[in-house]
C-alpha atoms as a PDB file:
ATOM      1  CA  MET A   1      -2.066  43.757  54.806  1.00  0.00           C
ATOM      2  CA  LYS A   2      -1.665  45.591  58.087  1.00  0.00           C
ATOM      3  CA  LEU A   3       0.723  45.031  61.001  1.00  0.00           C
ATOM      4  CA  ILE A   4      -0.708  46.324  64.257  1.00  0.00           C
ATOM      5  CA  GLY A   5       1.460  47.140  67.257  1.00  0.00           C
ATOM      6  CA  MET A   6       4.169  49.464  68.524  1.00  0.00           C
ATOM      7  CA  LEU A   7       7.778  49.073  67.423  1.00  0.00           C
ATOM      8  CA  ASP A   8       8.974  49.346  71.019  1.00  0.00           C
ATOM      9  CA  SER A   9       7.669  45.773  71.275  1.00  0.00           C
ATOM     10  CA  PRO A  10      10.428  43.387  70.184  1.00  0.00           C
ATOM     11  CA  TYR A  11       7.764  41.033  68.869  1.00  0.00           C
ATOM     12  CA  VAL A  12       6.205  43.648  66.600  1.00  0.00           C
ATOM     13  CA  ARG A  13       9.598  44.879  65.461  1.00  0.00           C
ATOM     14  CA  ARG A  14      10.930  41.415  64.565  1.00  0.00           C
ATOM     15  CA  VAL A  15       7.845  40.810  62.440  1.00  0.00           C
ATOM     16  CA  ALA A  16       8.202  44.154  60.646  1.00  0.00           C
ATOM     17  CA  ILE A  17      11.878  43.562  59.853  1.00  0.00           C
ATOM     18  CA  SER A  18      11.250  39.946  58.851  1.00  0.00           C
ATOM     19  CA  LEU A  19       8.424  40.887  56.470  1.00  0.00           C
ATOM     20  CA  ASP A  20      10.666  43.520  54.916  1.00  0.00           C
ATOM     21  CA  LEU A  21      13.442  40.958  54.400  1.00  0.00           C
ATOM     22  CA  LEU A  22      10.977  38.546  52.843  1.00  0.00           C
ATOM     23  CA  GLY A  23       9.738  41.227  50.439  1.00  0.00           C
ATOM     24  CA  ILE A  24       6.238  41.329  51.919  1.00  0.00           C
ATOM     25  CA  GLU A  25       4.525  44.697  51.583  1.00  0.00           C
ATOM     26  CA  PHE A  26       2.492  45.821  54.584  1.00  0.00           C
ATOM     27  CA  GLU A  27       1.067  48.866  56.289  1.00  0.00           C
ATOM     28  CA  HIS A  28       2.093  49.513  59.875  1.00  0.00           C
ATOM     29  CA  ALA A  29      -0.541  50.714  62.348  1.00  0.00           C
ATOM     30  CA  PRO A  30       1.262  51.696  65.586  1.00  0.00           C
ATOM     31  CA  LEU A  31      -1.510  50.933  68.054  1.00  0.00           C
ATOM     32  CA  SER A  32      -0.727  50.415  71.728  1.00  0.00           C
ATOM     33  CA  VAL A  33      -2.161  47.601  73.837  1.00  0.00           C
ATOM     34  CA  PHE A  34      -2.410  50.197  76.610  1.00  0.00           C
ATOM     35  CA  SER A  35      -3.249  53.701  75.350  1.00  0.00           C
ATOM     36  CA  THR A  36      -5.305  52.587  72.327  1.00  0.00           C
ATOM     37  CA  PHE A  37      -6.730  49.392  73.822  1.00  0.00           C
ATOM     38  CA  GLU A  38     -10.301  49.952  72.561  1.00  0.00           C
ATOM     39  CA  GLU A  39      -9.225  50.812  69.025  1.00  0.00           C
ATOM     40  CA  PHE A  40      -6.923  47.773  68.975  1.00  0.00           C
ATOM     41  CA  SER A  41      -9.741  45.556  70.282  1.00  0.00           C
ATOM     42  CA  ARG A  42     -11.912  46.453  67.300  1.00  0.00           C
ATOM     43  CA  ILE A  43      -9.306  44.838  65.056  1.00  0.00           C
ATOM     44  CA  ASN A  44      -8.436  41.951  67.353  1.00  0.00           C
ATOM     45  CA  PRO A  45     -10.580  41.439  70.484  1.00  0.00           C
ATOM     46  CA  VAL A  46      -7.638  39.638  72.135  1.00  0.00           C
ATOM     47  CA  VAL A  47      -5.545  42.844  71.842  1.00  0.00           C
ATOM     48  CA  LYS A  48      -2.274  41.004  71.299  1.00  0.00           C
ATOM     49  CA  ALA A  49       0.707  42.664  69.637  1.00  0.00           C
ATOM     50  CA  PRO A  50       1.720  41.923  67.040  1.00  0.00           C
ATOM     51  CA  THR A  51      -1.497  41.348  65.178  1.00  0.00           C
ATOM     52  CA  LEU A  52      -1.366  40.937  61.413  1.00  0.00           C
ATOM     53  CA  LEU A  53      -4.494  41.582  59.384  1.00  0.00           C
ATOM     54  CA  LEU A  54      -4.240  39.720  56.085  1.00  0.00           C
ATOM     55  CA  ASP A  55      -5.845  41.002  52.889  1.00  0.00           C
ATOM     56  CA  ASP A  56      -8.562  38.331  53.123  1.00  0.00           C
ATOM     57  CA  GLY A  57      -9.529  39.507  56.609  1.00  0.00           C
ATOM     58  CA  SER A  58      -7.739  36.721  58.486  1.00  0.00           C
ATOM     59  CA  VAL A  59      -6.139  37.788  61.758  1.00  0.00           C
ATOM     60  CA  LEU A  60      -2.798  36.309  62.763  1.00  0.00           C
ATOM     61  CA  MET A  61      -1.093  36.940  66.095  1.00  0.00           C
ATOM     62  CA  ASP A  62       2.121  35.983  67.911  1.00  0.00           C
ATOM     63  CA  SER A  63       5.359  36.971  66.204  1.00  0.00           C
ATOM     64  CA  THR A  64       6.674  33.435  65.776  1.00  0.00           C
ATOM     65  CA  LEU A  65       3.441  32.190  64.215  1.00  0.00           C
ATOM     66  CA  ILE A  66       3.243  35.170  61.856  1.00  0.00           C
ATOM     67  CA  ILE A  67       6.830  34.702  60.741  1.00  0.00           C
ATOM     68  CA  ASP A  68       6.341  30.960  60.353  1.00  0.00           C
ATOM     69  CA  TYR A  69       3.370  31.589  58.052  1.00  0.00           C
ATOM     70  CA  PHE A  70       5.460  33.701  55.695  1.00  0.00           C
ATOM     71  CA  GLU A  71       8.448  31.362  55.932  1.00  0.00           C
ATOM     72  CA  THR A  72       6.141  28.639  54.619  1.00  0.00           C
ATOM     73  CA  LEU A  73       5.079  30.825  51.683  1.00  0.00           C
ATOM     74  CA  SER A  74       8.616  31.944  50.787  1.00  0.00           C
ATOM     75  CA  PRO A  75      10.713  30.239  48.099  1.00  0.00           C
ATOM     76  CA  PRO A  76      13.829  28.360  49.328  1.00  0.00           C
ATOM     77  CA  GLY A  77      16.263  31.130  48.444  1.00  0.00           C
ATOM     78  CA  SER A  78      14.330  33.750  50.397  1.00  0.00           C
ATOM     79  CA  LYS A  79      13.735  31.933  53.680  1.00  0.00           C
ATOM     80  CA  LEU A  80      15.178  33.330  56.911  1.00  0.00           C
ATOM     81  CA  LEU A  81      15.604  29.936  58.595  1.00  0.00           C
ATOM     82  CA  PRO A  82      17.596  26.937  57.349  1.00  0.00           C
ATOM     83  CA  SER A  83      15.722  23.906  56.053  1.00  0.00           C
ATOM     84  CA  GLN A  84      18.330  21.274  56.971  1.00  0.00           C
ATOM     85  CA  PRO A  85      17.232  19.699  60.304  1.00  0.00           C
ATOM     86  CA  GLN A  86      20.522  20.026  62.194  1.00  0.00           C
ATOM     87  CA  ALA A  87      21.038  23.649  61.153  1.00  0.00           C
ATOM     88  CA  LEU A  88      17.388  24.402  61.924  1.00  0.00           C
ATOM     89  CA  ALA A  89      17.722  22.907  65.398  1.00  0.00           C
ATOM     90  CA  ARG A  90      20.735  25.156  66.091  1.00  0.00           C
ATOM     91  CA  ALA A  91      18.844  28.204  64.837  1.00  0.00           C
ATOM     92  CA  LEU A  92      15.766  27.416  66.904  1.00  0.00           C
ATOM     93  CA  SER A  93      17.927  26.880  69.990  1.00  0.00           C
ATOM     94  CA  THR A  94      19.368  30.374  69.645  1.00  0.00           C
ATOM     95  CA  LEU A  95      15.965  31.853  68.860  1.00  0.00           C
ATOM     96  CA  GLY A  96      14.600  30.251  72.012  1.00  0.00           C
ATOM     97  CA  LEU A  97      17.226  32.038  74.087  1.00  0.00           C
ATOM     98  CA  ALA A  98      16.538  35.419  72.484  1.00  0.00           C
ATOM     99  CA  LEU A  99      12.780  35.088  72.875  1.00  0.00           C
ATOM    100  CA  THR A 100      13.134  33.903  76.466  1.00  0.00           C
ATOM    101  CA  ALA A 101      15.256  36.975  77.220  1.00  0.00           C
ATOM    102  CA  CYS A 102      12.495  39.146  75.717  1.00  0.00           C
ATOM    103  CA  GLU A 103       9.839  37.390  77.764  1.00  0.00           C
ATOM    104  CA  LYS A 104      11.753  37.785  81.033  1.00  0.00           C
ATOM    105  CA  THR A 105      12.455  41.440  80.272  1.00  0.00           C
ATOM    106  CA  VAL A 106       8.739  42.066  79.743  1.00  0.00           C
ATOM    107  CA  GLN A 107       7.922  40.286  83.016  1.00  0.00           C
ATOM    108  CA  ILE A 108      10.354  42.461  84.970  1.00  0.00           C
ATOM    109  CA  VAL A 109       9.116  45.664  83.337  1.00  0.00           C
ATOM    110  CA  TYR A 110       5.479  44.795  84.013  1.00  0.00           C
ATOM    111  CA  GLU A 111       6.273  43.811  87.592  1.00  0.00           C
ATOM    112  CA  HIS A 112       7.752  47.243  88.259  1.00  0.00           C
ATOM    113  CA  ASN A 113       5.515  49.405  86.064  1.00  0.00           C
ATOM    114  CA  LEU A 114       2.089  47.811  86.453  1.00  0.00           C
ATOM    115  CA  ARG A 115       2.073  46.307  89.928  1.00  0.00           C
ATOM    116  CA  PRO A 116       1.755  48.622  92.936  1.00  0.00           C
ATOM    117  CA  ALA A 117       5.095  48.952  94.732  1.00  0.00           C
ATOM    118  CA  GLU A 118       3.737  47.481  97.950  1.00  0.00           C
ATOM    119  CA  LYS A 119       2.693  44.339  96.064  1.00  0.00           C
ATOM    120  CA  LEU A 120       5.946  43.807  94.200  1.00  0.00           C
ATOM    121  CA  HIS A 121       7.173  40.277  94.916  1.00  0.00           C
ATOM    122  CA  GLN A 122      10.951  40.553  95.144  1.00  0.00           C
ATOM    123  CA  PRO A 123      11.703  36.792  95.114  1.00  0.00           C
ATOM    124  CA  TRP A 124       9.827  36.549  91.809  1.00  0.00           C
ATOM    125  CA  VAL A 125      11.752  39.513  90.364  1.00  0.00           C
ATOM    126  CA  GLU A 126      15.051  37.940  91.440  1.00  0.00           C
ATOM    127  CA  ARG A 127      14.116  34.605  89.893  1.00  0.00           C
ATOM    128  CA  VAL A 128      13.068  36.151  86.566  1.00  0.00           C
ATOM    129  CA  THR A 129      16.201  38.310  86.529  1.00  0.00           C
ATOM    130  CA  ARG A 130      18.324  35.208  87.029  1.00  0.00           C
ATOM    131  CA  GLN A 131      16.565  33.560  84.068  1.00  0.00           C
ATOM    132  CA  LEU A 132      17.064  36.668  81.942  1.00  0.00           C
ATOM    133  CA  LEU A 133      20.787  36.900  82.646  1.00  0.00           C
ATOM    134  CA  ALA A 134      21.254  33.159  82.098  1.00  0.00           C
ATOM    135  CA  ALA A 135      19.586  33.446  78.695  1.00  0.00           C
ATOM    136  CA  CYS A 136      21.815  36.408  77.801  1.00  0.00           C
ATOM    137  CA  ALA A 137      24.969  34.598  78.901  1.00  0.00           C
ATOM    138  CA  GLU A 138      24.199  31.577  76.740  1.00  0.00           C
ATOM    139  CA  LEU A 139      23.122  33.781  73.852  1.00  0.00           C
ATOM    140  CA  ASP A 140      26.349  35.774  74.052  1.00  0.00           C
ATOM    141  CA  LYS A 141      28.340  32.549  73.995  1.00  0.00           C
ATOM    142  CA  GLN A 142      26.487  31.246  70.947  1.00  0.00           C
ATOM    143  CA  LEU A 143      26.771  34.497  69.000  1.00  0.00           C
ATOM    144  CA  ALA A 144      30.483  34.728  69.753  1.00  0.00           C
ATOM    145  CA  ALA A 145      30.925  31.297  68.145  1.00  0.00           C
ATOM    146  CA  GLN A 146      28.864  32.097  65.039  1.00  0.00           C
ATOM    147  CA  ALA A 147      30.111  33.937  61.984  1.00  0.00           C
ATOM    148  CA  SER A 148      27.824  36.217  60.004  1.00  0.00           C
ATOM    149  CA  ASP A 149      28.187  36.665  56.255  1.00  0.00           C
ATOM    150  CA  GLY A 150      27.356  40.330  56.812  1.00  0.00           C
ATOM    151  CA  VAL A 151      25.032  40.443  53.817  1.00  0.00           C
ATOM    152  CA  ARG A 152      21.416  39.510  54.522  1.00  0.00           C
ATOM    153  CA  PRO A 153      20.548  38.819  58.158  1.00  0.00           C
ATOM    154  CA  ASP A 154      18.665  35.614  58.889  1.00  0.00           C
ATOM    155  CA  GLN A 155      15.934  35.157  61.472  1.00  0.00           C
ATOM    156  CA  VAL A 156      18.378  34.385  64.279  1.00  0.00           C
ATOM    157  CA  GLU A 157      20.390  37.522  63.603  1.00  0.00           C
ATOM    158  CA  VAL A 158      17.277  39.700  63.358  1.00  0.00           C
ATOM    159  CA  THR A 159      15.679  38.376  66.526  1.00  0.00           C
ATOM    160  CA  CYS A 160      18.869  38.524  68.590  1.00  0.00           C
ATOM    161  CA  ALA A 161      19.487  42.143  67.606  1.00  0.00           C
ATOM    162  CA  VAL A 162      15.876  43.167  68.201  1.00  0.00           C
ATOM    163  CA  ALA A 163      15.820  41.404  71.568  1.00  0.00           C
ATOM    164  CA  TRP A 164      19.062  43.034  72.685  1.00  0.00           C
ATOM    165  CA  SER A 165      17.966  46.532  71.684  1.00  0.00           C
ATOM    166  CA  PHE A 166      14.750  46.015  73.628  1.00  0.00           C
ATOM    167  CA  MET A 167      16.660  44.901  76.720  1.00  0.00           C
ATOM    168  CA  GLN A 168      18.936  47.914  76.475  1.00  0.00           C
ATOM    169  CA  LEU A 169      15.949  50.225  76.098  1.00  0.00           C
ATOM    170  CA  MET A 170      14.108  48.796  79.081  1.00  0.00           C
ATOM    171  CA  LEU A 171      16.689  47.329  81.497  1.00  0.00           C
ATOM    172  CA  PRO A 172      20.182  48.677  80.752  1.00  0.00           C
ATOM    173  CA  ASP A 173      21.127  48.625  84.434  1.00  0.00           C
ATOM    174  CA  VAL A 174      20.133  44.970  84.763  1.00  0.00           C
ATOM    175  CA  VAL A 175      21.463  43.675  81.457  1.00  0.00           C
ATOM    176  CA  LYS A 176      24.774  45.509  81.214  1.00  0.00           C
ATOM    177  CA  ALA A 177      26.187  45.858  77.703  1.00  0.00           C
ATOM    178  CA  SER A 178      29.737  45.305  78.960  1.00  0.00           C
ATOM    179  CA  ASP A 179      28.792  41.866  80.287  1.00  0.00           C
ATOM    180  CA  PHE A 180      27.617  40.608  76.903  1.00  0.00           C
ATOM    181  CA  PRO A 181      30.020  41.961  74.253  1.00  0.00           C
ATOM    182  CA  ALA A 182      29.084  39.580  71.437  1.00  0.00           C
ATOM    183  CA  ILE A 183      25.359  40.394  71.519  1.00  0.00           C
ATOM    184  CA  ASN A 184      26.085  44.081  71.976  1.00  0.00           C
ATOM    185  CA  ALA A 185      28.395  44.228  68.950  1.00  0.00           C
ATOM    186  CA  HIS A 186      25.994  42.188  66.843  1.00  0.00           C
ATOM    187  CA  ALA A 187      23.030  44.452  67.614  1.00  0.00           C
ATOM    188  CA  ALA A 188      25.070  47.614  67.163  1.00  0.00           C
ATOM    189  CA  ARG A 189      26.039  46.490  63.658  1.00  0.00           C
ATOM    190  CA  LEU A 190      22.485  45.701  62.577  1.00  0.00           C
ATOM    191  CA  GLU A 191      20.995  48.818  64.161  1.00  0.00           C
ATOM    192  CA  GLN A 192      23.165  50.869  61.787  1.00  0.00           C
ATOM    193  CA  THR A 193      21.691  49.251  58.683  1.00  0.00           C
ATOM    194  CA  ASP A 194      18.960  50.878  56.608  1.00  0.00           C
ATOM    195  CA  LEU A 195      16.760  47.838  57.257  1.00  0.00           C
ATOM    196  CA  PHE A 196      16.714  48.354  61.019  1.00  0.00           C
ATOM    197  CA  LYS A 197      16.547  52.133  60.735  1.00  0.00           C
ATOM    198  CA  ARG A 198      13.287  51.780  58.816  1.00  0.00           C
ATOM    199  CA  TYR A 199      11.745  50.312  61.971  1.00  0.00           C
ATOM    200  CA  PRO A 200      13.181  52.324  64.882  1.00  0.00           C
ATOM    201  CA  ILE A 201      12.628  50.991  68.372  1.00  0.00           C
ATOM    202  CA  ALA A 202      11.899  54.456  69.757  1.00  0.00           C
END
């Protein structure tokens, strides 16, 4: 089994950490959707990170779908999401915020790094930035109200930490750590664990 994609992608990194937590052995191939586009395309013509190549040759893509596949295969005591509907709804609500923050961060980075400066559409950047900060504010509020057992992180804890570290890597001047103390403290704690250190963001 092979996970394709760079760990500076929050989507690739959350899959790597999740597979590790679930006890799934895999090989990591750090291919870039930019610098190694052609090599990546030979594995998956869509060139979407993360891509997971299963042992039977099946190709899975999209971090949430990959994780959902292995959640389905995992025994009840190993799952990273709750099975009770109300608890699951709360978890998915928080996950939605973290993944939205990732998405908006990527949009801002691409707008500045891939689009020529003269074509940058400032109203769009301002709108996406507003969405990003709103997602972070709600996420910070939710994490501040949740207690962690400090033992084995679940999917919400993994994704929130991965998302935050990505935002701090890419947009620290936009998403200021001091404005979101609960997320910042949560990510700082997990980034010091051996689990997260095995899959460094940079």
